[in-house]
Amino acid sequence: MEIPKHRHCLNCGISIPPDQVFCSEKCKIEYMQRRKKMLRTQYMFLAIAGLIILYYIITIALKM
């Protein structure tokens, strides 16, 4: 027995037709909100890491 062609919803994982990405508008909105929050967290991490590196570069330069 062959499994029909399908995809899985990017948000909840249920089986959907291959031409869709999300099973509903609700799942699409939830996914986009979660993705936006994740990107914001990653940008904050990169900004903090950059500030720490900049701090060490400045302190090393001032000691010379």
C-alpha atoms as a PDB file:
ATOM      1  CA  MET A   1       0.000   0.000   0.000  1.00  0.00           C
ATOM      2  CA  GLU A   2       1.425   3.349  -1.047  1.00  0.00           C
ATOM      3  CA  ILE A   3       1.117   6.506   1.043  1.00  0.00           C
ATOM      4  CA  PRO A   4      -0.456   9.341  -0.978  1.00  0.00           C
ATOM      5  CA  LYS A   5       1.728  12.367  -1.700  1.00  0.00           C
ATOM      6  CA  HIS A   6       1.483  14.872   1.120  1.00  0.00           C
ATOM      7  CA  ARG A   7       3.355  17.387   3.263  1.00  0.00           C
ATOM      8  CA  HIS A   8       3.174  18.282   6.904  1.00  0.00           C
ATOM      9  CA  CYS A   9       2.002  21.616   8.280  1.00  0.00           C
ATOM     10  CA  LEU A  10       5.029  23.675   9.342  1.00  0.00           C
ATOM     11  CA  ASN A  11       3.295  24.637  12.583  1.00  0.00           C
ATOM     12  CA  CYS A  12       1.363  21.631  13.899  1.00  0.00           C
ATOM     13  CA  GLY A  13       2.709  18.806  11.733  1.00  0.00           C
ATOM     14  CA  ILE A  14      -0.566  17.321  10.517  1.00  0.00           C
ATOM     15  CA  SER A  15      -0.743  15.836   7.039  1.00  0.00           C
ATOM     16  CA  ILE A  16      -1.843  18.280   4.313  1.00  0.00           C
ATOM     17  CA  PRO A  17      -1.992  18.272   0.492  1.00  0.00           C
ATOM     18  CA  PRO A  18       1.386  18.764  -1.231  1.00  0.00           C
ATOM     19  CA  ASP A  19       0.428  22.188  -2.604  1.00  0.00           C
ATOM     20  CA  GLN A  20      -0.175  23.710   0.847  1.00  0.00           C
ATOM     21  CA  VAL A  21       2.291  24.845   3.506  1.00  0.00           C
ATOM     22  CA  PHE A  22      -0.074  25.311   6.453  1.00  0.00           C
ATOM     23  CA  CYS A  23      -3.270  23.494   7.374  1.00  0.00           C
ATOM     24  CA  SER A  24      -5.116  26.690   8.313  1.00  0.00           C
ATOM     25  CA  GLU A  25      -4.758  30.453   8.577  1.00  0.00           C
ATOM     26  CA  LYS A  26      -4.478  30.043  12.365  1.00  0.00           C
ATOM     27  CA  CYS A  27      -1.425  27.801  11.991  1.00  0.00           C
ATOM     28  CA  LYS A  28       0.142  30.262   9.542  1.00  0.00           C
ATOM     29  CA  ILE A  29      -0.310  33.161  11.992  1.00  0.00           C
ATOM     30  CA  GLU A  30       1.065  31.117  14.928  1.00  0.00           C
ATOM     31  CA  TYR A  31       4.081  30.050  12.859  1.00  0.00           C
ATOM     32  CA  MET A  32       4.833  33.604  11.725  1.00  0.00           C
ATOM     33  CA  GLN A  33       4.566  34.928  15.294  1.00  0.00           C
ATOM     34  CA  ARG A  34       6.876  32.205  16.622  1.00  0.00           C
ATOM     35  CA  ARG A  35       9.359  32.820  13.786  1.00  0.00           C
ATOM     36  CA  LYS A  36       9.348  36.573  14.437  1.00  0.00           C
ATOM     37  CA  LYS A  37      10.019  35.979  18.142  1.00  0.00           C
ATOM     38  CA  MET A  38      12.829  33.529  17.344  1.00  0.00           C
ATOM     39  CA  LEU A  39      14.475  35.989  14.932  1.00  0.00           C
ATOM     40  CA  ARG A  40      14.225  38.783  17.505  1.00  0.00           C
ATOM     41  CA  THR A  41      15.942  36.545  20.075  1.00  0.00           C
ATOM     42  CA  GLN A  42      18.718  35.663  17.625  1.00  0.00           C
ATOM     43  CA  TYR A  43      19.297  39.325  16.747  1.00  0.00           C
ATOM     44  CA  MET A  44      19.477  40.226  20.441  1.00  0.00           C
ATOM     45  CA  PHE A  45      22.027  37.465  21.026  1.00  0.00           C
ATOM     46  CA  LEU A  46      24.151  38.680  18.108  1.00  0.00           C
ATOM     47  CA  ALA A  47      23.930  42.288  19.301  1.00  0.00           C
ATOM     48  CA  ILE A  48      25.002  41.353  22.838  1.00  0.00           C
ATOM     49  CA  ALA A  49      27.834  39.164  21.529  1.00  0.00           C
ATOM     50  CA  GLY A  50      28.965  42.028  19.279  1.00  0.00           C
ATOM     51  CA  LEU A  51      28.939  44.473  22.192  1.00  0.00           C
ATOM     52  CA  ILE A  52      30.998  42.091  24.330  1.00  0.00           C
ATOM     53  CA  ILE A  53      33.556  41.656  21.542  1.00  0.00           C
ATOM     54  CA  LEU A  54      33.659  45.412  20.971  1.00  0.00           C
ATOM     55  CA  TYR A  55      34.198  45.972  24.711  1.00  0.00           C
ATOM     56  CA  TYR A  56      37.190  43.614  24.748  1.00  0.00           C
ATOM     57  CA  ILE A  57      38.675  45.176  21.611  1.00  0.00           C
ATOM     58  CA  ILE A  58      38.402  48.656  23.139  1.00  0.00           C
ATOM     59  CA  THR A  59      39.896  47.583  26.489  1.00  0.00           C
ATOM     60  CA  ILE A  60      42.808  45.886  24.726  1.00  0.00           C
ATOM     61  CA  ALA A  61      43.387  48.963  22.533  1.00  0.00           C
ATOM     62  CA  LEU A  62      43.380  51.281  25.560  1.00  0.00           C
ATOM     63  CA  LYS A  63      46.029  49.183  27.338  1.00  0.00           C
ATOM     64  CA  MET A  64      48.485  49.680  24.473  1.00  0.00           C
END
